[in-house]
Amino acid sequence: MNNTINQKPVREIMTVAHKQMITPHYIRIYLTGQADTIANIATMTVGANNKVLIPVDKAQPIDLNDNTTFVVRTYTHRGADVAKQQIWIDFVAHGDEAPASGWATHAEVGDEIGILMKPKTKALCPDADNFLLIGDATAIPVLGSILETLPASATGQCIIEVHGVEDEQELSTAANITMTWLHNPDPTQGSQLIDTVKSLDLPTAEQSRFAYIANEFSSVKALRHYLKVEQQWSKDELYAFSYWKAGVAEDQSVSDRQAEKNNE
């Protein structure tokens, strides 16, 4: 049965209700929307990809029918509170040059942002006994969402690369997951993720296993090759997608990132 049948696409301008600095480089923005919209979002998969519309000029209102008034970026919502009529979205603060990062860093109560969502109830991961979760700071929203849904019977590893020790977070899970935090103040110059994964004793094919990978283009490509080609993980045991490409804006790297994923 398709559980998305009663869900509706979201296309709405929301306003900032509250801003929380989770770590020095990680910002949580609470947004207020229409009551029926928030109730609709509350039925959708937390951690699924959605679109945010960043205003080109905060002094001017966003016009959903005029794409010159906003810049589109991909993010995930981390939760919804129907009673408070709020959802929340996490942003990595990595400078004002990036539209979403700059907007979140300077966001104030009452500021506008556009939200686009498609109906979705599909789980982020299939059922498995052992999980390998790999990502950088941009993947914390989805990896955090996955960790929250894992059963107590699950085991595995979660490896996340962030700016520094001050950006490590407490991510809750009922599963028996070993957390490893790597520190990299300049992820545009490379990543420690691939070497770290290669140092692990990975679950064998006899075990029920699944890997979820989300980070920079080059690292995703290397990790996919290592698991799929060198370690013989099947397509059904692996999801890998690059959220960004070093030196290239999101809207300019879409085709490269999608092509890399399609080569799985």
C-alpha atoms as a PDB file:
ATOM      1  CA  MET A   1       0.000   0.000   0.000  1.00  0.00           C
ATOM      2  CA  ASN A   2       1.282   3.474  -0.891  1.00  0.00           C
ATOM      3  CA  ASN A   3       1.369   5.442   2.350  1.00  0.00           C
ATOM      4  CA  THR A   4       2.168   8.667   0.488  1.00  0.00           C
ATOM      5  CA  ILE A   5      -1.309   8.767  -1.048  1.00  0.00           C
ATOM      6  CA  ASN A   6      -2.635  11.148   1.615  1.00  0.00           C
ATOM      7  CA  GLN A   7       0.455  13.330   1.609  1.00  0.00           C
ATOM      8  CA  LYS A   8       0.612  16.499  -0.420  1.00  0.00           C
ATOM      9  CA  PRO A   9       3.592  18.251  -2.024  1.00  0.00           C
ATOM     10  CA  VAL A  10       4.806  21.215   0.005  1.00  0.00           C
ATOM     11  CA  ARG A  11       5.397  24.573  -1.636  1.00  0.00           C
ATOM     12  CA  GLU A  12       5.349  27.262   1.004  1.00  0.00           C
ATOM     13  CA  ILE A  13       7.200  30.244   2.407  1.00  0.00           C
ATOM     14  CA  MET A  14       8.012  29.745   6.084  1.00  0.00           C
ATOM     15  CA  THR A  15       9.465  32.106   8.660  1.00  0.00           C
ATOM     16  CA  VAL A  16      12.258  31.709  11.190  1.00  0.00           C
ATOM     17  CA  ALA A  17      10.936  31.114  14.705  1.00  0.00           C
ATOM     18  CA  HIS A  18      14.189  30.308  16.487  1.00  0.00           C
ATOM     19  CA  LYS A  19      17.879  29.663  15.773  1.00  0.00           C
ATOM     20  CA  GLN A  20      20.102  27.307  17.759  1.00  0.00           C
ATOM     21  CA  MET A  21      23.877  26.920  17.470  1.00  0.00           C
ATOM     22  CA  ILE A  22      24.328  23.170  17.963  1.00  0.00           C
ATOM     23  CA  THR A  23      28.108  23.522  17.487  1.00  0.00           C
ATOM     24  CA  PRO A  24      30.289  26.404  16.202  1.00  0.00           C
ATOM     25  CA  HIS A  25      29.759  25.183  12.623  1.00  0.00           C
ATOM     26  CA  TYR A  26      26.295  23.632  12.854  1.00  0.00           C
ATOM     27  CA  ILE A  27      23.090  25.655  13.002  1.00  0.00           C
ATOM     28  CA  ARG A  28      19.530  24.493  13.601  1.00  0.00           C
ATOM     29  CA  ILE A  29      16.788  26.747  12.239  1.00  0.00           C
ATOM     30  CA  TYR A  30      13.213  26.330  13.499  1.00  0.00           C
ATOM     31  CA  LEU A  31      10.609  27.408  10.948  1.00  0.00           C
ATOM     32  CA  THR A  32       6.937  28.233  11.370  1.00  0.00           C
ATOM     33  CA  GLY A  33       4.455  27.265   8.668  1.00  0.00           C
ATOM     34  CA  GLN A  34       0.750  26.779   8.126  1.00  0.00           C
ATOM     35  CA  ALA A  35      -0.812  24.256  10.521  1.00  0.00           C
ATOM     36  CA  ASP A  36      -1.977  21.885   7.786  1.00  0.00           C
ATOM     37  CA  THR A  37       1.432  22.055   6.090  1.00  0.00           C
ATOM     38  CA  ILE A  38       3.294  21.125   9.269  1.00  0.00           C
ATOM     39  CA  ALA A  39       0.847  18.284   9.937  1.00  0.00           C
ATOM     40  CA  ASN A  40       1.473  17.050   6.385  1.00  0.00           C
ATOM     41  CA  ILE A  41       5.272  17.233   6.804  1.00  0.00           C
ATOM     42  CA  ALA A  42       5.032  15.361  10.115  1.00  0.00           C
ATOM     43  CA  THR A  43       3.921  12.255   8.163  1.00  0.00           C
ATOM     44  CA  MET A  44       6.951  12.354   5.847  1.00  0.00           C
ATOM     45  CA  THR A  45      10.302  10.621   6.235  1.00  0.00           C
ATOM     46  CA  VAL A  46      12.619  12.674   8.438  1.00  0.00           C
ATOM     47  CA  GLY A  47      16.010  12.996   6.752  1.00  0.00           C
ATOM     48  CA  ALA A  48      14.738  12.765   3.170  1.00  0.00           C
ATOM     49  CA  ASN A  49      16.056  15.302   0.668  1.00  0.00           C
ATOM     50  CA  ASN A  50      13.991  18.449   0.107  1.00  0.00           C
ATOM     51  CA  LYS A  51      14.576  21.866  -1.409  1.00  0.00           C
ATOM     52  CA  VAL A  52      15.002  25.192   0.350  1.00  0.00           C
ATOM     53  CA  LEU A  53      14.664  28.503  -1.456  1.00  0.00           C
ATOM     54  CA  ILE A  54      17.203  30.992  -0.142  1.00  0.00           C
ATOM     55  CA  PRO A  55      16.230  34.641  -0.719  1.00  0.00           C
ATOM     56  CA  VAL A  56      18.585  36.523  -2.996  1.00  0.00           C
ATOM     57  CA  ASP A  57      17.868  39.671  -0.981  1.00  0.00           C
ATOM     58  CA  LYS A  58      16.548  39.378   2.570  1.00  0.00           C
ATOM     59  CA  ALA A  59      15.027  42.826   2.217  1.00  0.00           C
ATOM     60  CA  GLN A  60      12.775  41.613  -0.584  1.00  0.00           C
ATOM     61  CA  PRO A  61      10.033  38.969  -0.214  1.00  0.00           C
ATOM     62  CA  ILE A  62      10.426  35.575  -1.905  1.00  0.00           C
ATOM     63  CA  ASP A  63       8.145  35.080  -4.882  1.00  0.00           C
ATOM     64  CA  LEU A  64       7.652  31.355  -5.470  1.00  0.00           C
ATOM     65  CA  ASN A  65       6.725  32.127  -9.083  1.00  0.00           C
ATOM     66  CA  ASP A  66       9.854  34.188  -9.751  1.00  0.00           C
ATOM     67  CA  ASN A  67      13.072  32.204  -9.525  1.00  0.00           C
ATOM     68  CA  THR A  68      15.147  35.391  -9.681  1.00  0.00           C
ATOM     69  CA  THR A  69      14.128  36.050  -6.047  1.00  0.00           C
ATOM     70  CA  PHE A  70      15.714  32.897  -4.618  1.00  0.00           C
ATOM     71  CA  VAL A  71      18.491  30.323  -4.916  1.00  0.00           C
ATOM     72  CA  VAL A  72      17.595  26.618  -4.646  1.00  0.00           C
ATOM     73  CA  ARG A  73      19.595  24.297  -2.399  1.00  0.00           C
ATOM     74  CA  THR A  74      19.035  20.727  -1.163  1.00  0.00           C
ATOM     75  CA  TYR A  75      18.539  20.079   2.553  1.00  0.00           C
ATOM     76  CA  THR A  76      16.689  17.699   4.851  1.00  0.00           C
ATOM     77  CA  HIS A  77      14.284  18.461   7.649  1.00  0.00           C
ATOM     78  CA  ARG A  78      15.249  17.004  11.028  1.00  0.00           C
ATOM     79  CA  GLY A  79      11.839  17.024  12.629  1.00  0.00           C
ATOM     80  CA  ALA A  80       8.370  18.503  12.911  1.00  0.00           C
ATOM     81  CA  ASP A  81       6.257  19.650  15.857  1.00  0.00           C
ATOM     82  CA  VAL A  82       2.581  19.854  14.947  1.00  0.00           C
ATOM     83  CA  ALA A  83       1.611  21.530  18.229  1.00  0.00           C
ATOM     84  CA  LYS A  84       4.144  24.334  17.729  1.00  0.00           C
ATOM     85  CA  GLN A  85       3.556  24.484  13.942  1.00  0.00           C
ATOM     86  CA  GLN A  86       7.297  24.130  13.366  1.00  0.00           C
ATOM     87  CA  ILE A  87       9.819  22.113  11.427  1.00  0.00           C
ATOM     88  CA  TRP A  88      13.565  22.348  11.850  1.00  0.00           C
ATOM     89  CA  ILE A  89      16.407  22.180   9.372  1.00  0.00           C
ATOM     90  CA  ASP A  90      20.136  21.966  10.120  1.00  0.00           C
ATOM     91  CA  PHE A  91      22.776  23.941   8.229  1.00  0.00           C
ATOM     92  CA  VAL A  92      26.565  23.648   8.171  1.00  0.00           C
ATOM     93  CA  ALA A  93      28.160  27.071   8.619  1.00  0.00           C
ATOM     94  CA  HIS A  94      31.054  27.282   6.173  1.00  0.00           C
ATOM     95  CA  GLY A  95      31.141  30.941   5.181  1.00  0.00           C
ATOM     96  CA  ASP A  96      28.916  33.599   3.680  1.00  0.00           C
ATOM     97  CA  GLU A  97      29.951  32.754   0.104  1.00  0.00           C
ATOM     98  CA  ALA A  98      27.597  29.757   0.122  1.00  0.00           C
ATOM     99  CA  PRO A  99      23.995  31.050  -0.062  1.00  0.00           C
ATOM    100  CA  ALA A 100      22.449  28.647   2.474  1.00  0.00           C
ATOM    101  CA  SER A 101      25.338  28.880   4.919  1.00  0.00           C
ATOM    102  CA  GLY A 102      25.329  32.675   4.755  1.00  0.00           C
ATOM    103  CA  TRP A 103      21.563  32.831   5.170  1.00  0.00           C
ATOM    104  CA  ALA A 104      21.546  30.505   8.193  1.00  0.00           C
ATOM    105  CA  THR A 105      24.485  32.264   9.844  1.00  0.00           C
ATOM    106  CA  HIS A 106      22.707  35.621   9.718  1.00  0.00           C
ATOM    107  CA  ALA A 107      19.114  34.373  10.026  1.00  0.00           C
ATOM    108  CA  GLU A 108      16.867  36.263  12.427  1.00  0.00           C
ATOM    109  CA  VAL A 109      13.392  35.616  13.766  1.00  0.00           C
ATOM    110  CA  GLY A 110      10.862  36.509  11.077  1.00  0.00           C
ATOM    111  CA  ASP A 111      13.184  35.923   8.116  1.00  0.00           C
ATOM    112  CA  GLU A 112      11.647  34.046   5.185  1.00  0.00           C
ATOM    113  CA  ILE A 113      12.718  30.870   3.408  1.00  0.00           C
ATOM    114  CA  GLY A 114      10.908  28.780   0.811  1.00  0.00           C
ATOM    115  CA  ILE A 115      10.315  25.065   1.413  1.00  0.00           C
ATOM    116  CA  LEU A 116       9.599  22.466  -1.287  1.00  0.00           C
ATOM    117  CA  MET A 117       8.920  18.828  -0.391  1.00  0.00           C
ATOM    118  CA  LYS A 118       7.636  15.774  -2.198  1.00  0.00           C
ATOM    119  CA  PRO A 119       5.540  13.097  -0.466  1.00  0.00           C
ATOM    120  CA  LYS A 120       7.767  10.393   0.972  1.00  0.00           C
ATOM    121  CA  THR A 121       7.368   7.645   3.566  1.00  0.00           C
ATOM    122  CA  LYS A 122      10.055   5.222   2.373  1.00  0.00           C
ATOM    123  CA  ALA A 123      12.664   4.415   5.019  1.00  0.00           C
ATOM    124  CA  LEU A 124      16.161   5.793   4.458  1.00  0.00           C
ATOM    125  CA  CYS A 125      17.695   2.332   4.931  1.00  0.00           C
ATOM    126  CA  PRO A 126      16.471  -1.228   4.446  1.00  0.00           C
ATOM    127  CA  ASP A 127      16.406  -3.678   7.328  1.00  0.00           C
ATOM    128  CA  ALA A 128      19.830  -5.117   8.148  1.00  0.00           C
ATOM    129  CA  ASP A 129      21.809  -6.452  11.090  1.00  0.00           C
ATOM    130  CA  ASN A 130      24.951  -4.387  10.492  1.00  0.00           C
ATOM    131  CA  PHE A 131      25.261  -0.789   9.285  1.00  0.00           C
ATOM    132  CA  LEU A 132      28.149   1.295   7.990  1.00  0.00           C
ATOM    133  CA  LEU A 133      27.290   4.999   8.039  1.00  0.00           C
ATOM    134  CA  ILE A 134      29.811   7.406   6.520  1.00  0.00           C
ATOM    135  CA  GLY A 135      29.649  11.140   5.950  1.00  0.00           C
ATOM    136  CA  ASP A 136      30.944  14.625   6.539  1.00  0.00           C
ATOM    137  CA  ALA A 137      29.208  17.485   8.367  1.00  0.00           C
ATOM    138  CA  THR A 138      26.674  17.913   5.555  1.00  0.00           C
ATOM    139  CA  ALA A 139      25.501  14.340   6.151  1.00  0.00           C
ATOM    140  CA  ILE A 140      24.820  14.702   9.889  1.00  0.00           C
ATOM    141  CA  PRO A 141      21.089  15.408   9.335  1.00  0.00           C
ATOM    142  CA  VAL A 142      20.513  12.214   7.363  1.00  0.00           C
ATOM    143  CA  LEU A 143      22.894  10.057   9.399  1.00  0.00           C
ATOM    144  CA  GLY A 144      21.360  11.371  12.615  1.00  0.00           C
ATOM    145  CA  SER A 145      17.909  10.502  11.282  1.00  0.00           C
ATOM    146  CA  ILE A 146      19.043   6.989  10.370  1.00  0.00           C
ATOM    147  CA  LEU A 147      20.626   6.437  13.785  1.00  0.00           C
ATOM    148  CA  GLU A 148      17.392   7.463  15.494  1.00  0.00           C
ATOM    149  CA  THR A 149      15.424   4.808  13.588  1.00  0.00           C
ATOM    150  CA  LEU A 150      17.777   1.837  14.007  1.00  0.00           C
ATOM    151  CA  PRO A 151      16.542  -0.963  16.274  1.00  0.00           C
ATOM    152  CA  ALA A 152      18.409  -2.007  19.409  1.00  0.00           C
ATOM    153  CA  SER A 153      19.373  -5.255  17.673  1.00  0.00           C
ATOM    154  CA  ALA A 154      21.417  -3.442  15.004  1.00  0.00           C
ATOM    155  CA  THR A 155      25.193  -3.053  15.192  1.00  0.00           C
ATOM    156  CA  GLY A 156      27.716  -1.159  13.132  1.00  0.00           C
ATOM    157  CA  GLN A 157      29.965   1.830  12.661  1.00  0.00           C
ATOM    158  CA  CYS A 158      29.265   5.504  12.067  1.00  0.00           C
ATOM    159  CA  ILE A 159      32.145   7.666  10.855  1.00  0.00           C
ATOM    160  CA  ILE A 160      31.642  11.415  10.514  1.00  0.00           C
ATOM    161  CA  GLU A 161      34.203  14.027   9.507  1.00  0.00           C
ATOM    162  CA  VAL A 162      33.715  17.519  10.967  1.00  0.00           C
ATOM    163  CA  HIS A 163      35.728  20.727  11.301  1.00  0.00           C
ATOM    164  CA  GLY A 164      37.130  20.000  14.780  1.00  0.00           C
ATOM    165  CA  VAL A 165      36.486  18.399  18.144  1.00  0.00           C
ATOM    166  CA  GLU A 166      34.153  21.264  19.049  1.00  0.00           C
ATOM    167  CA  ASP A 167      31.815  20.131  16.258  1.00  0.00           C
ATOM    168  CA  GLU A 168      31.281  16.602  17.523  1.00  0.00           C
ATOM    169  CA  GLN A 169      27.692  15.925  18.551  1.00  0.00           C
ATOM    170  CA  GLU A 170      25.726  13.486  20.660  1.00  0.00           C
ATOM    171  CA  LEU A 171      23.643  11.548  18.136  1.00  0.00           C
ATOM    172  CA  SER A 172      21.080   9.319  19.798  1.00  0.00           C
ATOM    173  CA  THR A 173      20.447   5.721  18.779  1.00  0.00           C
ATOM    174  CA  ALA A 174      19.148   2.540  20.355  1.00  0.00           C
ATOM    175  CA  ALA A 175      21.536   0.474  18.225  1.00  0.00           C
ATOM    176  CA  ASN A 176      25.014  -0.712  19.173  1.00  0.00           C
ATOM    177  CA  ILE A 177      26.909   1.727  16.952  1.00  0.00           C
ATOM    178  CA  THR A 178      30.566   2.645  17.331  1.00  0.00           C
ATOM    179  CA  MET A 179      30.926   6.380  16.652  1.00  0.00           C
ATOM    180  CA  THR A 180      34.146   7.722  15.126  1.00  0.00           C
ATOM    181  CA  TRP A 181      34.666  11.470  14.676  1.00  0.00           C
ATOM    182  CA  LEU A 182      37.345  12.716  12.302  1.00  0.00           C
ATOM    183  CA  HIS A 183      38.572  16.304  12.277  1.00  0.00           C
ATOM    184  CA  ASN A 184      39.213  18.207   9.058  1.00  0.00           C
ATOM    185  CA  PRO A 185      39.223  22.023   9.095  1.00  0.00           C
ATOM    186  CA  ASP A 186      39.344  22.214   5.275  1.00  0.00           C
ATOM    187  CA  PRO A 187      37.319  19.414   3.603  1.00  0.00           C
ATOM    188  CA  THR A 188      37.801  21.035   0.189  1.00  0.00           C
ATOM    189  CA  GLN A 189      41.410  19.807   0.325  1.00  0.00           C
ATOM    190  CA  GLY A 190      40.621  16.145   0.865  1.00  0.00           C
ATOM    191  CA  SER A 191      39.177  13.725   3.396  1.00  0.00           C
ATOM    192  CA  GLN A 192      40.307  11.084   5.881  1.00  0.00           C
ATOM    193  CA  LEU A 193      37.145   9.030   5.368  1.00  0.00           C
ATOM    194  CA  ILE A 194      38.442   6.575   2.770  1.00  0.00           C
ATOM    195  CA  ASP A 195      41.609   5.687   4.735  1.00  0.00           C
ATOM    196  CA  THR A 196      39.566   5.281   7.902  1.00  0.00           C
ATOM    197  CA  VAL A 197      37.070   2.956   6.239  1.00  0.00           C
ATOM    198  CA  LYS A 198      39.895   0.891   4.738  1.00  0.00           C
ATOM    199  CA  SER A 199      41.262   0.343   8.255  1.00  0.00           C
ATOM    200  CA  LEU A 200      37.998  -1.237   9.470  1.00  0.00           C
ATOM    201  CA  ASP A 201      37.090  -4.896   9.793  1.00  0.00           C
ATOM    202  CA  LEU A 202      33.928  -4.836   7.701  1.00  0.00           C
ATOM    203  CA  PRO A 203      31.024  -7.271   7.960  1.00  0.00           C
ATOM    204  CA  THR A 204      31.185 -10.159   5.513  1.00  0.00           C
ATOM    205  CA  ALA A 205      28.689 -11.034   2.795  1.00  0.00           C
ATOM    206  CA  GLU A 206      27.304 -13.764   5.044  1.00  0.00           C
ATOM    207  CA  GLN A 207      25.953 -11.011   7.297  1.00  0.00           C
ATOM    208  CA  SER A 208      22.979  -8.770   6.626  1.00  0.00           C
ATOM    209  CA  ARG A 209      24.686  -5.425   5.965  1.00  0.00           C
ATOM    210  CA  PHE A 210      24.051  -1.973   4.534  1.00  0.00           C
ATOM    211  CA  ALA A 211      26.232   1.083   3.946  1.00  0.00           C
ATOM    212  CA  TYR A 212      24.975   4.660   3.648  1.00  0.00           C
ATOM    213  CA  ILE A 213      27.500   7.187   2.349  1.00  0.00           C
ATOM    214  CA  ALA A 214      26.978  10.915   1.894  1.00  0.00           C
ATOM    215  CA  ASN A 215      29.744  13.481   1.563  1.00  0.00           C
ATOM    216  CA  GLU A 216      31.963  15.187  -1.023  1.00  0.00           C
ATOM    217  CA  PHE A 217      32.089  13.935  -4.635  1.00  0.00           C
ATOM    218  CA  SER A 218      35.665  12.575  -4.687  1.00  0.00           C
ATOM    219  CA  SER A 219      35.284  10.779  -1.357  1.00  0.00           C
ATOM    220  CA  VAL A 220      31.979   9.200  -2.362  1.00  0.00           C
ATOM    221  CA  LYS A 221      33.496   7.967  -5.607  1.00  0.00           C
ATOM    222  CA  ALA A 222      36.470   6.420  -3.795  1.00  0.00           C
ATOM    223  CA  LEU A 223      34.319   4.859  -1.076  1.00  0.00           C
ATOM    224  CA  ARG A 224      31.879   3.402  -3.610  1.00  0.00           C
ATOM    225  CA  HIS A 225      34.763   1.840  -5.549  1.00  0.00           C
ATOM    226  CA  TYR A 226      36.323   0.400  -2.402  1.00  0.00           C
ATOM    227  CA  LEU A 227      33.132  -1.201  -1.114  1.00  0.00           C
ATOM    228  CA  LYS A 228      31.653  -2.309  -4.429  1.00  0.00           C
ATOM    229  CA  VAL A 229      34.750  -3.319  -6.397  1.00  0.00           C
ATOM    230  CA  GLU A 230      37.380  -4.185  -3.816  1.00  0.00           C
ATOM    231  CA  GLN A 231      35.096  -5.526  -1.067  1.00  0.00           C
ATOM    232  CA  GLN A 232      32.358  -6.922  -3.353  1.00  0.00           C
ATOM    233  CA  TRP A 233      29.400  -5.221  -1.691  1.00  0.00           C
ATOM    234  CA  SER A 234      26.320  -5.519  -3.890  1.00  0.00           C
ATOM    235  CA  LYS A 235      24.243  -2.632  -5.191  1.00  0.00           C
ATOM    236  CA  ASP A 236      21.476  -3.512  -2.739  1.00  0.00           C
ATOM    237  CA  GLU A 237      23.903  -3.268   0.177  1.00  0.00           C
ATOM    238  CA  LEU A 238      25.071   0.240  -0.615  1.00  0.00           C
ATOM    239  CA  TYR A 239      23.685   3.741  -1.037  1.00  0.00           C
ATOM    240  CA  ALA A 240      26.189   6.461  -1.863  1.00  0.00           C
ATOM    241  CA  PHE A 241      25.535   9.986  -3.073  1.00  0.00           C
ATOM    242  CA  SER A 242      27.681  13.112  -3.080  1.00  0.00           C
ATOM    243  CA  TYR A 243      26.059  16.155  -1.496  1.00  0.00           C
ATOM    244  CA  TRP A 244      28.646  18.551  -2.884  1.00  0.00           C
ATOM    245  CA  LYS A 245      31.710  18.839  -5.098  1.00  0.00           C
ATOM    246  CA  ALA A 246      34.756  20.777  -3.973  1.00  0.00           C
ATOM    247  CA  GLY A 247      35.095  24.117  -5.750  1.00  0.00           C
ATOM    248  CA  VAL A 248      31.736  23.861  -7.546  1.00  0.00           C
ATOM    249  CA  ALA A 249      28.354  25.304  -6.514  1.00  0.00           C
ATOM    250  CA  GLU A 250      25.546  22.789  -5.926  1.00  0.00           C
ATOM    251  CA  ASP A 251      23.495  23.849  -8.942  1.00  0.00           C
ATOM    252  CA  GLN A 252      26.571  23.574 -11.177  1.00  0.00           C
ATOM    253  CA  SER A 253      27.621  20.124  -9.952  1.00  0.00           C
ATOM    254  CA  VAL A 254      24.262  18.325 -10.126  1.00  0.00           C
ATOM    255  CA  SER A 255      24.971  16.530 -13.397  1.00  0.00           C
ATOM    256  CA  ASP A 256      28.414  15.307 -12.265  1.00  0.00           C
ATOM    257  CA  ARG A 257      27.105  14.070  -8.918  1.00  0.00           C
ATOM    258  CA  GLN A 258      24.098  12.339 -10.481  1.00  0.00           C
ATOM    259  CA  ALA A 259      26.270  10.707 -13.155  1.00  0.00           C
ATOM    260  CA  GLU A 260      28.609   9.359 -10.486  1.00  0.00           C
ATOM    261  CA  LYS A 261      25.681   7.837  -8.616  1.00  0.00           C
ATOM    262  CA  ASN A 262      24.266   6.338 -11.810  1.00  0.00           C
ATOM    263  CA  ASN A 263      27.546   4.496 -12.359  1.00  0.00           C
ATOM    264  CA  GLU A 264      26.873   2.349  -9.311  1.00  0.00           C
END
